[in-house]
N, C-alpha and C. Protein backbone atom coordinates (compact mmCIF):
# COMPACT_ATOMS: atom_id res chain seq x y z
N MET A 1 129.16 161.85 181.42
CA MET A 1 128.31 163.19 181.10
C MET A 1 129.13 164.23 181.33
N CYS A 2 129.02 165.41 180.36
CA CYS A 2 129.68 166.62 180.51
C CYS A 2 129.27 167.53 181.75
N LYS A 3 130.36 168.14 182.50
CA LYS A 3 129.94 168.86 183.46
C LYS A 3 129.85 170.24 182.92
N GLU A 4 128.75 171.12 183.56
CA GLU A 4 128.67 172.33 183.15
C GLU A 4 129.54 173.39 183.78
N SER A 5 130.26 174.24 182.85
CA SER A 5 131.30 174.98 183.33
C SER A 5 131.45 176.18 182.38
N TYR A 6 131.73 177.34 183.01
CA TYR A 6 132.04 178.42 182.09
C TYR A 6 133.41 178.74 181.50
N ALA A 7 134.27 177.54 182.03
CA ALA A 7 135.61 177.50 181.27
C ALA A 7 135.66 177.07 180.13
N ILE A 8 136.52 177.68 179.22
CA ILE A 8 136.90 177.17 177.80
C ILE A 8 137.49 175.85 177.78
N HIS A 9 137.28 175.13 176.97
CA HIS A 9 138.01 173.63 176.94
C HIS A 9 139.53 174.07 177.10
N PRO A 10 140.16 173.12 177.88
CA PRO A 10 141.63 173.41 178.30
C PRO A 10 142.46 173.43 177.19
N ILE A 11 142.36 172.44 176.22
CA ILE A 11 143.16 172.48 175.23
C ILE A 11 143.15 173.75 174.30
N LEU A 12 141.97 173.99 174.06
CA LEU A 12 141.69 175.25 173.14
C LEU A 12 142.22 176.60 173.82
N SER A 13 142.09 176.43 175.22
CA SER A 13 142.68 177.73 176.04
C SER A 13 144.12 177.82 175.87
N LEU A 14 144.89 176.72 175.77
CA LEU A 14 146.31 176.69 175.83
C LEU A 14 146.78 176.96 174.41
N ILE A 15 146.29 176.67 173.34
CA ILE A 15 146.29 176.98 171.97
C ILE A 15 146.07 178.43 171.84
N TYR A 16 145.02 178.97 172.22
CA TYR A 16 144.74 180.48 172.06
C TYR A 16 145.52 181.26 172.71
N SER A 17 145.92 180.97 173.95
CA SER A 17 146.91 181.77 174.64
C SER A 17 148.09 181.82 173.91
N LEU A 18 148.77 180.77 173.40
CA LEU A 18 149.90 180.70 172.72
C LEU A 18 149.90 181.84 171.44
N LEU A 19 148.67 181.72 170.94
CA LEU A 19 148.50 182.41 169.72
C LEU A 19 148.40 183.80 170.00
N LEU A 20 147.57 184.16 171.13
CA LEU A 20 147.40 185.53 171.63
C LEU A 20 148.91 186.23 171.78
N PHE A 21 149.69 185.24 172.50
CA PHE A 21 150.86 186.13 173.00
C PHE A 21 151.87 186.18 171.77
N VAL A 22 151.88 185.19 170.85
CA VAL A 22 152.83 185.40 169.63
C VAL A 22 152.39 186.68 168.89
N VAL A 23 151.04 186.65 168.68
CA VAL A 23 150.54 187.87 167.77
C VAL A 23 150.54 189.15 168.53
N GLY A 24 150.32 189.03 169.64
CA GLY A 24 150.29 190.16 170.56
C GLY A 24 151.77 190.91 170.39
N LEU A 25 152.91 190.09 170.51
CA LEU A 25 154.31 190.57 170.12
C LEU A 25 154.44 191.25 169.01
N LEU A 26 153.84 190.66 167.97
CA LEU A 26 153.85 191.25 166.60
C LEU A 26 153.59 192.69 166.54
N PHE A 27 152.35 192.93 167.36
CA PHE A 27 151.44 194.19 167.38
C PHE A 27 152.09 195.16 168.18
N VAL A 28 153.08 194.86 169.06
CA VAL A 28 153.48 195.86 170.00
C VAL A 28 153.96 197.17 169.52
N LYS A 29 154.42 197.39 168.35
CA LYS A 29 154.93 198.52 167.69
C LYS A 29 153.99 199.24 166.88
N GLN A 30 152.58 198.80 167.06
CA GLN A 30 151.56 199.30 166.32
C GLN A 30 150.84 200.50 167.05
N ILE A 31 150.52 201.63 166.37
CA ILE A 31 149.57 202.56 167.09
C ILE A 31 148.17 202.13 167.68
N TRP A 32 147.81 201.22 167.10
CA TRP A 32 146.56 200.59 167.56
C TRP A 32 146.60 199.55 168.49
N PHE A 33 147.63 199.08 169.17
CA PHE A 33 147.83 197.98 170.00
C PHE A 33 146.88 198.17 171.10
N TRP A 34 146.51 199.15 171.48
CA TRP A 34 145.62 199.57 172.68
C TRP A 34 144.27 199.06 172.24
N LEU A 35 143.87 199.21 171.17
CA LEU A 35 142.51 198.78 170.66
C LEU A 35 142.63 197.14 170.63
N PHE A 36 143.65 196.49 169.99
CA PHE A 36 143.97 195.10 170.09
C PHE A 36 143.66 194.42 171.46
N PHE A 37 144.32 195.32 172.52
CA PHE A 37 144.28 194.85 173.68
C PHE A 37 142.76 194.98 174.47
N VAL A 38 142.11 196.06 174.26
CA VAL A 38 140.92 196.29 174.78
C VAL A 38 139.86 195.23 174.18
N THR A 39 139.88 195.00 172.77
CA THR A 39 139.02 194.19 172.17
C THR A 39 138.88 192.70 172.76
N PHE A 40 140.16 192.11 172.93
CA PHE A 40 140.28 190.72 173.78
C PHE A 40 139.87 190.99 175.15
N LEU A 41 140.04 192.02 175.73
CA LEU A 41 139.80 192.20 177.37
C LEU A 41 138.18 192.06 177.57
N ILE A 42 137.64 192.79 176.45
CA ILE A 42 136.21 192.80 176.40
C ILE A 42 135.60 191.47 176.18
N LEU A 43 136.25 190.70 175.29
CA LEU A 43 135.97 189.30 174.78
C LEU A 43 135.85 188.61 176.19
N PHE A 44 136.93 188.62 176.78
CA PHE A 44 136.99 187.56 177.95
C PHE A 44 136.26 188.15 179.13
N LEU A 45 135.80 189.40 179.19
CA LEU A 45 134.59 189.92 180.14
C LEU A 45 133.31 189.51 179.76
N LEU A 46 133.08 189.20 178.51
CA LEU A 46 131.68 188.84 177.79
C LEU A 46 131.68 187.22 178.20
N PHE A 47 132.83 186.58 178.43
CA PHE A 47 132.72 185.00 178.66
C PHE A 47 133.27 184.91 180.26
N ARG A 48 132.90 185.97 180.94
CA ARG A 48 132.86 185.89 182.58
C ARG A 48 134.50 185.15 182.87
N PHE A 49 135.41 186.01 182.49
CA PHE A 49 136.93 185.79 183.10
C PHE A 49 137.09 186.89 183.99
N GLU A 50 136.27 187.50 184.33
CA GLU A 50 136.42 188.83 185.34
C GLU A 50 137.28 188.70 186.44
N LYS A 51 137.09 187.36 187.09
CA LYS A 51 138.02 187.10 188.54
C LYS A 51 139.40 187.16 188.09
N ILE A 52 139.56 186.06 186.90
CA ILE A 52 141.08 185.93 186.61
C ILE A 52 141.69 187.20 186.12
N ILE A 53 140.88 188.11 185.25
CA ILE A 53 141.49 189.46 185.20
C ILE A 53 141.78 190.19 186.45
N ILE A 54 141.07 190.07 187.42
CA ILE A 54 141.57 191.02 188.61
C ILE A 54 142.70 190.16 189.09
N LYS A 55 143.04 189.27 189.09
CA LYS A 55 144.08 188.29 189.61
C LYS A 55 145.30 188.76 188.92
N THR A 56 145.16 189.01 187.55
CA THR A 56 146.29 189.35 186.79
C THR A 56 146.77 190.67 186.88
N ILE A 57 145.92 191.65 187.27
CA ILE A 57 146.24 193.03 187.29
C ILE A 57 147.44 193.43 188.04
N PRO A 58 147.61 193.07 189.25
CA PRO A 58 148.91 193.29 189.88
C PRO A 58 150.00 192.68 189.37
N PHE A 59 149.94 191.62 188.70
CA PHE A 59 151.27 191.04 187.91
C PHE A 59 151.59 192.01 186.83
N ILE A 60 150.45 192.31 186.14
CA ILE A 60 150.85 193.35 184.96
C ILE A 60 151.19 194.57 185.26
N LEU A 61 150.95 195.17 186.41
CA LEU A 61 151.25 196.48 186.67
C LEU A 61 152.79 196.40 187.48
N ILE A 62 153.20 195.42 188.18
CA ILE A 62 154.23 195.28 188.76
C ILE A 62 155.31 194.93 187.77
N PHE A 63 155.15 193.83 187.13
CA PHE A 63 155.80 193.58 185.90
C PHE A 63 156.27 194.32 184.96
N GLY A 64 154.98 194.97 184.54
CA GLY A 64 155.23 196.03 183.55
C GLY A 64 156.20 197.43 183.88
N LEU A 65 155.89 197.66 185.05
CA LEU A 65 156.84 198.84 185.62
C LEU A 65 158.23 198.49 185.77
N ILE A 66 158.57 197.15 186.22
CA ILE A 66 159.80 196.57 186.39
C ILE A 66 160.60 196.58 184.79
N MET A 67 159.88 195.97 184.14
CA MET A 67 160.37 196.05 182.48
C MET A 67 160.42 197.21 182.05
N SER A 68 159.54 198.33 182.21
CA SER A 68 159.80 199.67 181.78
C SER A 68 160.91 200.51 182.33
N GLY A 69 161.15 200.11 183.45
CA GLY A 69 162.26 200.65 184.46
C GLY A 69 163.50 200.20 183.88
N LEU A 70 163.72 199.02 183.51
CA LEU A 70 164.83 198.38 183.13
C LEU A 70 165.08 198.77 181.65
N THR A 71 164.11 199.13 180.75
CA THR A 71 164.21 199.50 179.54
C THR A 71 164.57 201.01 179.29
N ILE A 72 164.25 201.76 180.40
CA ILE A 72 164.39 203.33 180.19
C ILE A 72 165.95 203.68 180.46
N ILE A 73 166.67 202.65 181.05
CA ILE A 73 168.17 202.89 181.35
C ILE A 73 168.68 203.25 180.11
N ASN A 74 168.55 202.16 178.87
CA ASN A 74 169.25 202.20 177.69
C ASN A 74 168.60 202.56 176.59
N GLY A 75 167.29 202.77 176.86
CA GLY A 75 166.30 202.87 175.71
C GLY A 75 165.64 204.33 175.72
N ASN A 76 164.88 204.62 174.61
CA ASN A 76 163.90 205.93 174.62
C ASN A 76 162.54 205.65 174.98
N LYS A 77 161.75 206.61 174.98
CA LYS A 77 160.36 206.59 175.41
C LYS A 77 159.61 205.45 174.68
N SER A 78 159.84 205.48 173.34
CA SER A 78 159.03 204.41 172.57
C SER A 78 159.57 203.06 173.06
N ASP A 79 160.62 202.85 173.34
CA ASP A 79 161.09 201.46 173.81
C ASP A 79 160.52 201.08 175.31
N VAL A 80 160.43 202.03 176.02
CA VAL A 80 159.65 201.74 177.34
C VAL A 80 158.26 201.62 177.11
N LEU A 81 157.63 201.99 176.36
CA LEU A 81 156.09 201.86 175.86
C LEU A 81 155.90 200.49 175.32
N TYR A 82 157.00 200.05 174.31
CA TYR A 82 156.95 198.85 173.81
C TYR A 82 157.21 197.79 174.91
N ALA A 83 157.97 198.03 175.78
CA ALA A 83 158.28 196.97 176.86
C ALA A 83 156.88 196.70 177.63
N PHE A 84 156.20 197.79 178.00
CA PHE A 84 154.98 197.69 178.61
C PHE A 84 153.94 197.00 178.05
N TYR A 85 153.79 197.23 176.63
CA TYR A 85 152.96 196.44 175.77
C TYR A 85 153.18 195.02 175.71
N ARG A 86 154.39 194.60 175.71
CA ARG A 86 154.96 193.19 175.71
C ARG A 86 154.15 192.47 177.06
N VAL A 87 154.51 193.26 178.01
CA VAL A 87 153.79 192.57 179.37
C VAL A 87 152.33 192.56 179.23
N LEU A 88 151.49 193.56 178.52
CA LEU A 88 150.19 193.50 178.30
C LEU A 88 149.81 192.38 177.45
N ALA A 89 150.63 191.95 176.40
CA ALA A 89 150.35 190.62 175.66
C ALA A 89 150.40 189.43 176.45
N LEU A 90 151.56 189.56 177.42
CA LEU A 90 151.80 188.35 178.06
C LEU A 90 150.55 188.13 179.23
N GLY A 91 150.00 189.19 179.53
CA GLY A 91 148.80 189.22 180.65
C GLY A 91 147.71 188.84 180.01
N LEU A 92 147.35 189.07 178.66
CA LEU A 92 146.14 188.64 177.90
C LEU A 92 146.26 187.15 177.72
N ALA A 93 147.52 186.56 177.34
CA ALA A 93 147.64 185.19 177.28
C ALA A 93 147.66 184.52 178.63
N ALA A 94 147.88 185.10 179.48
CA ALA A 94 148.00 184.58 180.97
C ALA A 94 146.61 184.27 181.44
N ILE A 95 145.68 184.96 180.84
CA ILE A 95 144.26 185.05 181.33
C ILE A 95 143.76 183.87 180.98
N LEU A 96 143.94 183.28 179.86
CA LEU A 96 143.61 181.83 179.23
C LEU A 96 144.13 180.99 180.03
N SER A 97 145.63 180.99 180.04
CA SER A 97 146.10 179.76 180.60
C SER A 97 145.83 179.55 182.22
N ILE A 98 145.71 180.86 182.97
CA ILE A 98 145.24 180.52 184.38
C ILE A 98 144.02 179.82 184.55
N SER A 99 143.29 180.02 183.62
CA SER A 99 141.59 179.44 183.41
C SER A 99 141.65 178.07 183.46
N VAL A 100 142.91 177.36 182.96
CA VAL A 100 142.82 175.87 182.90
C VAL A 100 143.26 175.22 184.21
N LYS A 101 142.32 174.25 184.61
CA LYS A 101 142.68 173.47 185.69
C LYS A 101 143.54 172.26 185.42
N PRO A 102 144.65 171.97 186.06
CA PRO A 102 145.52 170.92 185.50
C PRO A 102 145.13 169.61 185.42
N ILE A 103 144.11 169.21 186.28
CA ILE A 103 143.34 167.88 186.22
C ILE A 103 142.38 167.74 185.00
N ASN A 104 141.92 168.87 184.67
CA ASN A 104 140.75 168.90 183.42
C ASN A 104 141.80 169.01 181.99
N LEU A 105 142.87 169.61 182.08
CA LEU A 105 143.99 169.46 181.00
C LEU A 105 144.44 167.88 180.78
N VAL A 106 144.75 167.40 181.94
CA VAL A 106 145.17 165.87 181.83
C VAL A 106 144.03 164.97 181.43
N ARG A 107 142.78 165.11 181.78
CA ARG A 107 141.71 164.37 181.29
C ARG A 107 141.47 164.83 179.71
N ALA A 108 141.65 165.92 179.41
CA ALA A 108 141.36 166.07 178.02
C ALA A 108 142.30 165.53 177.10
N PHE A 109 143.65 165.70 177.43
CA PHE A 109 144.56 164.87 176.87
C PHE A 109 144.45 163.31 176.68
N ASN A 110 144.09 162.86 177.80
CA ASN A 110 143.62 161.53 177.93
C ASN A 110 142.56 161.18 177.02
N GLN A 111 141.49 161.85 177.05
CA GLN A 111 140.36 161.61 176.08
C GLN A 111 140.65 161.76 174.57
N LEU A 112 141.81 162.84 174.29
CA LEU A 112 141.96 162.98 172.72
C LEU A 112 143.08 161.85 172.58
N HIS A 113 143.44 160.96 173.40
CA HIS A 113 144.56 159.93 173.12
C HIS A 113 145.70 160.08 172.83
N PHE A 114 146.18 161.48 173.59
CA PHE A 114 147.42 161.93 173.54
C PHE A 114 148.37 160.71 174.26
N PRO A 115 149.61 160.76 173.75
CA PRO A 115 150.69 159.87 174.66
C PRO A 115 150.50 160.14 176.14
N ARG A 116 150.33 158.87 176.88
CA ARG A 116 150.24 159.07 178.36
C ARG A 116 151.36 159.77 179.13
N TRP A 117 152.63 159.68 178.60
CA TRP A 117 153.49 160.24 179.23
C TRP A 117 153.64 161.97 179.11
N ILE A 118 152.93 162.53 178.05
CA ILE A 118 152.50 163.94 177.86
C ILE A 118 151.83 164.38 179.17
N SER A 119 150.81 163.80 179.27
CA SER A 119 149.71 164.11 180.23
C SER A 119 150.22 163.93 181.60
N LEU A 120 150.90 162.71 181.95
CA LEU A 120 151.77 162.76 183.18
C LEU A 120 152.71 163.81 183.32
N GLY A 121 153.44 164.04 182.38
CA GLY A 121 154.53 165.07 182.33
C GLY A 121 154.15 166.60 182.80
N PHE A 122 152.78 166.87 182.10
CA PHE A 122 152.22 168.10 182.39
C PHE A 122 151.82 168.05 183.78
N LEU A 123 151.15 166.95 184.22
CA LEU A 123 150.63 166.87 185.66
C LEU A 123 151.67 167.27 186.56
N ILE A 124 152.85 166.49 186.34
CA ILE A 124 153.82 166.52 187.45
C ILE A 124 154.50 168.05 187.44
N VAL A 125 154.84 168.59 186.32
CA VAL A 125 155.30 169.97 186.19
C VAL A 125 154.39 170.90 186.94
N ILE A 126 153.09 170.73 186.72
CA ILE A 126 152.15 171.67 187.40
C ILE A 126 152.02 171.50 188.77
N ARG A 127 151.99 170.28 189.18
CA ARG A 127 151.91 170.01 190.73
C ARG A 127 153.45 170.48 191.49
N PHE A 128 154.57 170.13 190.70
CA PHE A 128 155.77 170.59 191.42
C PHE A 128 155.81 172.11 191.52
N MET A 129 155.19 172.85 190.50
CA MET A 129 155.34 174.31 190.67
C MET A 129 154.38 174.85 191.78
N GLN A 130 153.27 174.17 191.99
CA GLN A 130 152.49 174.55 192.88
C GLN A 130 153.07 174.32 194.30
N ILE A 131 153.70 173.15 194.46
CA ILE A 131 154.32 172.83 195.72
C ILE A 131 155.49 173.70 196.05
N PHE A 132 156.10 173.91 195.13
CA PHE A 132 157.53 174.71 195.10
C PHE A 132 157.18 176.13 195.81
N CYS A 133 156.16 176.81 195.05
CA CYS A 133 155.67 178.00 195.61
C CYS A 133 155.26 178.02 196.89
N GLU A 134 154.46 177.07 197.36
CA GLU A 134 154.14 177.12 198.60
C GLU A 134 155.36 176.93 199.77
N GLU A 135 156.32 176.11 199.10
CA GLU A 135 157.59 175.99 200.11
C GLU A 135 158.30 177.29 200.15
N ILE A 136 158.37 177.96 199.05
CA ILE A 136 158.97 179.43 199.08
C ILE A 136 158.46 180.24 200.07
N LYS A 137 157.09 180.23 200.14
CA LYS A 137 156.35 181.12 201.11
C LYS A 137 156.58 180.76 202.48
N GLN A 138 156.73 179.58 202.70
CA GLN A 138 157.02 178.99 204.10
C GLN A 138 158.38 179.29 204.43
N ILE A 139 159.37 179.05 203.72
CA ILE A 139 160.80 179.46 203.90
C ILE A 139 160.88 180.95 204.22
N ARG A 140 160.25 181.62 203.42
CA ARG A 140 160.25 183.25 203.53
C ARG A 140 159.65 183.80 205.02
N GLN A 141 158.38 182.91 205.38
CA GLN A 141 157.86 183.19 206.57
C GLN A 141 158.75 182.87 207.70
N ALA A 142 159.28 181.57 207.84
CA ALA A 142 160.20 181.25 208.70
C ALA A 142 161.37 182.14 208.73
N ILE A 143 162.15 182.65 207.68
CA ILE A 143 163.08 183.83 208.02
C ILE A 143 162.65 185.09 208.61
N VAL A 144 161.48 185.24 208.11
CA VAL A 144 160.95 186.66 209.01
C VAL A 144 160.73 186.52 210.46
N LEU A 145 160.14 185.17 210.72
CA LEU A 145 160.02 185.00 212.13
C LEU A 145 161.28 184.83 213.10
N ARG A 146 162.34 184.51 212.25
CA ARG A 146 163.82 184.46 213.18
C ARG A 146 164.44 185.91 212.96
N GLY A 147 163.66 186.81 212.25
CA GLY A 147 164.30 188.19 212.33
C GLY A 147 165.58 188.41 211.47
N ILE A 148 165.64 187.64 210.52
CA ILE A 148 166.77 187.61 209.34
C ILE A 148 166.37 188.60 208.42
N ARG A 149 167.24 189.66 208.24
CA ARG A 149 166.92 190.72 207.27
C ARG A 149 167.92 190.63 205.93
N PHE A 150 167.52 190.74 204.91
CA PHE A 150 168.46 190.62 203.60
C PHE A 150 169.48 191.81 203.73
N ILE A 151 168.87 192.84 203.97
CA ILE A 151 169.70 194.15 204.00
C ILE A 151 170.88 194.22 205.04
N ASN A 152 170.39 193.50 206.11
CA ASN A 152 171.36 193.56 207.50
C ASN A 152 172.49 192.49 207.24
N THR A 153 171.96 191.19 206.87
CA THR A 153 172.73 190.07 206.77
C THR A 153 172.48 189.25 205.54
N PRO A 154 172.87 189.90 204.20
CA PRO A 154 172.68 189.13 203.03
C PRO A 154 173.18 187.84 202.91
N VAL A 155 174.30 187.46 203.70
CA VAL A 155 174.99 185.85 203.39
C VAL A 155 174.18 185.20 204.23
N LEU A 156 173.71 185.58 205.32
CA LEU A 156 173.03 184.66 206.33
C LEU A 156 171.39 184.45 205.73
N TRP A 157 170.95 185.47 205.35
CA TRP A 157 169.98 185.33 204.61
C TRP A 157 169.69 184.33 203.60
N SER A 158 170.81 184.42 202.65
CA SER A 158 171.07 183.61 201.46
C SER A 158 171.05 182.11 201.91
N ARG A 159 171.67 181.91 202.97
CA ARG A 159 172.02 180.43 203.45
C ARG A 159 170.54 179.95 204.02
N ALA A 160 170.07 180.96 204.90
CA ALA A 160 168.77 180.56 205.30
C ALA A 160 167.60 180.21 204.36
N PHE A 161 167.87 180.77 203.15
CA PHE A 161 166.71 180.61 202.22
C PHE A 161 167.13 179.41 201.36
N PHE A 162 168.28 179.70 200.63
CA PHE A 162 168.70 178.48 199.45
C PHE A 162 168.87 177.33 200.05
N ILE A 163 169.64 177.08 200.94
CA ILE A 163 169.68 175.43 201.66
C ILE A 163 168.52 174.98 202.05
N PRO A 164 167.61 175.57 202.69
CA PRO A 164 166.28 174.71 203.00
C PRO A 164 165.47 174.45 201.50
N LEU A 165 165.73 175.62 200.63
CA LEU A 165 164.98 175.31 199.37
C LEU A 165 165.48 174.11 198.44
N ILE A 166 166.78 174.01 198.48
CA ILE A 166 167.44 172.88 197.79
C ILE A 166 166.85 171.52 198.19
N ILE A 167 167.09 171.48 199.73
CA ILE A 167 166.60 170.18 200.40
C ILE A 167 165.06 170.08 199.91
N ARG A 168 164.31 170.85 199.96
CA ARG A 168 163.01 170.57 199.75
C ARG A 168 162.58 170.20 198.32
N VAL A 169 163.39 170.96 197.47
CA VAL A 169 163.30 170.57 196.07
C VAL A 169 163.66 169.04 195.88
N LEU A 170 164.52 168.72 196.35
CA LEU A 170 164.81 167.31 196.13
C LEU A 170 163.92 166.23 196.95
N SER A 171 163.29 166.84 197.94
CA SER A 171 162.16 166.12 198.72
C SER A 171 160.94 166.12 197.89
N ILE A 172 160.70 167.06 197.25
CA ILE A 172 159.49 167.31 196.36
C ILE A 172 159.64 166.18 195.29
N SER A 173 160.74 166.21 194.72
CA SER A 173 161.04 165.55 193.45
C SER A 173 160.77 164.01 193.61
N GLU A 174 161.19 163.43 194.86
CA GLU A 174 161.22 162.12 195.21
C GLU A 174 159.89 161.90 195.66
N GLY A 175 159.14 162.60 196.29
CA GLY A 175 157.66 162.42 196.83
C GLY A 175 156.86 162.44 195.62
N LEU A 176 157.16 163.30 194.62
CA LEU A 176 156.08 163.06 193.42
C LEU A 176 156.54 161.72 192.75
N ALA A 177 157.77 161.14 192.50
CA ALA A 177 158.03 159.98 191.82
C ALA A 177 157.49 158.71 192.74
N ILE A 178 157.62 158.74 194.00
CA ILE A 178 157.07 157.72 194.85
C ILE A 178 155.55 157.96 194.91
N SER A 179 154.94 158.94 194.72
CA SER A 179 153.48 159.03 194.69
C SER A 179 152.85 158.31 193.36
N LEU A 180 153.45 158.67 192.17
CA LEU A 180 153.25 157.99 190.99
C LEU A 180 153.42 156.49 191.00
N GLU A 181 154.43 156.02 191.75
CA GLU A 181 154.62 154.37 191.78
C GLU A 181 153.57 153.94 192.54
N THR A 182 153.30 154.48 193.76
CA THR A 182 152.20 153.96 194.66
C THR A 182 150.94 153.96 193.98
N ARG A 183 150.55 155.06 193.22
CA ARG A 183 149.41 155.00 192.47
C ARG A 183 149.26 154.24 191.27
N GLY A 184 150.42 153.41 190.96
CA GLY A 184 150.14 152.72 189.79
C GLY A 184 150.09 153.22 188.35
N PHE A 185 150.62 154.32 188.46
CA PHE A 185 150.76 155.19 187.09
C PHE A 185 151.78 154.43 186.21
N ALA A 186 151.30 154.22 184.95
CA ALA A 186 152.03 153.72 183.96
C ALA A 186 151.61 154.46 182.43
N THR A 187 152.82 154.40 181.69
CA THR A 187 152.54 154.79 180.28
C THR A 187 152.10 153.98 179.17
N ASN A 188 151.99 152.54 179.71
CA ASN A 188 151.82 151.60 178.68
C ASN A 188 150.43 151.05 178.56
N ILE A 189 149.68 151.76 179.49
CA ILE A 189 148.25 151.14 179.74
C ILE A 189 147.19 152.40 179.23
N GLU A 190 146.06 151.86 178.73
CA GLU A 190 144.98 152.82 178.42
C GLU A 190 144.37 153.55 179.76
N SER A 191 144.21 154.89 179.90
CA SER A 191 143.85 155.64 180.93
C SER A 191 142.29 155.84 180.69
N SER A 192 141.52 156.00 181.81
CA SER A 192 140.17 156.22 181.78
C SER A 192 139.82 157.40 182.90
N SER A 193 138.76 157.95 182.71
CA SER A 193 138.30 159.26 183.63
C SER A 193 136.97 159.29 183.64
N TYR A 194 136.58 159.49 185.05
CA TYR A 194 135.31 159.44 185.59
C TYR A 194 134.51 160.75 185.02
N GLN A 195 135.23 161.73 184.66
CA GLN A 195 134.61 163.02 184.09
C GLN A 195 134.99 163.30 182.88
N ILE A 196 134.09 163.45 181.95
CA ILE A 196 134.29 163.82 180.49
C ILE A 196 134.46 165.42 180.18
N ILE A 197 135.68 165.68 179.50
CA ILE A 197 135.85 167.08 179.26
C ILE A 197 135.36 167.26 177.68
N CYS A 198 134.11 167.80 177.35
CA CYS A 198 133.45 167.96 176.22
C CYS A 198 133.79 169.38 175.27
N PHE A 199 133.74 169.27 174.15
CA PHE A 199 133.59 170.52 173.61
C PHE A 199 132.22 171.16 173.48
N LYS A 200 131.87 172.31 174.00
CA LYS A 200 130.36 172.80 174.13
C LYS A 200 130.12 173.96 173.18
N ARG A 201 128.79 174.25 173.24
CA ARG A 201 128.73 175.41 172.28
C ARG A 201 129.40 176.53 172.91
N ARG A 202 129.40 176.99 173.97
CA ARG A 202 130.36 178.05 174.56
C ARG A 202 131.69 177.99 173.83
N ASP A 203 132.45 176.79 173.69
CA ASP A 203 133.74 176.93 173.08
C ASP A 203 133.63 177.20 171.53
N LEU A 204 132.36 176.77 170.99
CA LEU A 204 132.36 177.11 169.64
C LEU A 204 132.16 178.65 169.34
N ILE A 205 131.36 179.26 170.29
CA ILE A 205 131.02 180.72 169.95
C ILE A 205 132.35 181.48 170.40
N PHE A 206 133.05 181.11 171.51
CA PHE A 206 134.21 181.63 171.75
C PHE A 206 135.17 181.62 170.76
N SER A 207 135.45 180.49 170.19
CA SER A 207 136.37 180.08 168.89
C SER A 207 136.19 181.15 167.95
N CYS A 208 134.73 180.98 167.48
CA CYS A 208 134.53 181.99 166.41
C CYS A 208 134.79 183.40 166.53
N LEU A 209 134.42 183.87 167.89
CA LEU A 209 134.62 185.57 167.94
C LEU A 209 136.16 185.66 168.07
N PHE A 210 136.87 184.81 168.88
CA PHE A 210 138.30 184.97 169.08
C PHE A 210 139.10 185.00 167.71
N LEU A 211 138.76 183.93 166.94
CA LEU A 211 139.39 183.81 165.76
C LEU A 211 139.01 184.86 164.81
N ALA A 212 137.96 185.35 164.77
CA ALA A 212 137.46 186.55 163.87
C ALA A 212 138.19 187.70 164.28
N CYS A 213 138.44 188.11 165.53
CA CYS A 213 139.14 189.19 166.20
C CYS A 213 140.41 189.13 165.60
N LEU A 214 140.96 187.84 165.94
CA LEU A 214 142.71 187.72 165.57
C LEU A 214 142.86 187.88 164.19
N ALA A 215 142.17 187.46 163.30
CA ALA A 215 142.09 187.46 161.77
C ALA A 215 141.86 188.99 161.35
N PHE A 216 141.02 189.65 162.16
CA PHE A 216 140.82 191.00 161.65
C PHE A 216 142.30 191.79 161.96
N TYR A 217 142.66 191.59 163.06
CA TYR A 217 143.99 192.43 163.45
C TYR A 217 145.11 192.01 162.54
N ILE A 218 145.32 190.79 162.21
CA ILE A 218 146.27 190.41 161.45
C ILE A 218 145.97 190.89 159.88
N TYR A 219 144.87 190.86 159.73
CA TYR A 219 144.76 191.58 158.18
C TYR A 219 145.18 193.02 158.34
N TRP A 220 144.72 193.67 159.36
CA TRP A 220 145.05 195.12 159.41
C TRP A 220 146.57 195.32 159.55
N PHE A 221 147.24 194.45 160.38
CA PHE A 221 148.68 194.66 160.40
C PHE A 221 149.33 194.29 158.85
N SER A 222 148.71 193.51 158.35
CA SER A 222 149.37 193.19 157.03
C SER A 222 149.33 194.23 155.89
N GLY A 223 148.35 195.31 156.26
CA GLY A 223 148.08 196.35 155.44
C GLY A 223 147.00 196.24 154.56
N GLY A 224 146.35 195.10 154.98
CA GLY A 224 144.91 195.06 154.22
C GLY A 224 143.71 196.19 154.66
N TYR A 225 143.98 196.74 155.61
CA TYR A 225 142.89 197.66 156.08
C TYR A 225 143.60 199.15 156.40
N ARG A 226 143.28 200.03 155.54
CA ARG A 226 143.89 201.32 155.65
C ARG A 226 142.99 202.45 156.26
């Protein structure tokens, strides 16, 4: 039985995220890019992505300022604006990507009969990144507790950060491999799932609105709308 959820189907979210990013990069030099950005932002708000949007705002602002600052060194004002627009396009695409739960993505792959190694690969990579980020936070907290500062002792700080990180990466990789073996994961058997990831009416409505907006701006970009 399908579970009720406000999330868009995981595979659709990944496909639309990629489309939005690629098309957004094409539009960064258009004077109407802000209209493109606001249109899809409103669409995401209508489909209750507001919590994810709030989470991505700090990333967009910080990364946008960094990219703009790096561009202003050798570029003009237009290049700085375009650099920030590219970050906005990435932020829009990230909203859909972040909404995808890894386990639901794997279930969707299995139900559509994707090769098992693809779904297992996605699950391993996503889980590895989650553990990797947690380990970085713990190592940084340990460095702070020891009173080591990068500005004062950069060599000592680097040793205290990178050596434990390398050891933990090797340990995480081995742990994930052992975890797959002990759970009996295999690529040559048919998988099953207790939760069905269905295509819902919400997915259809979102797809129609998303593709209609995308087609309109592509038509405008190609010179069809003056």
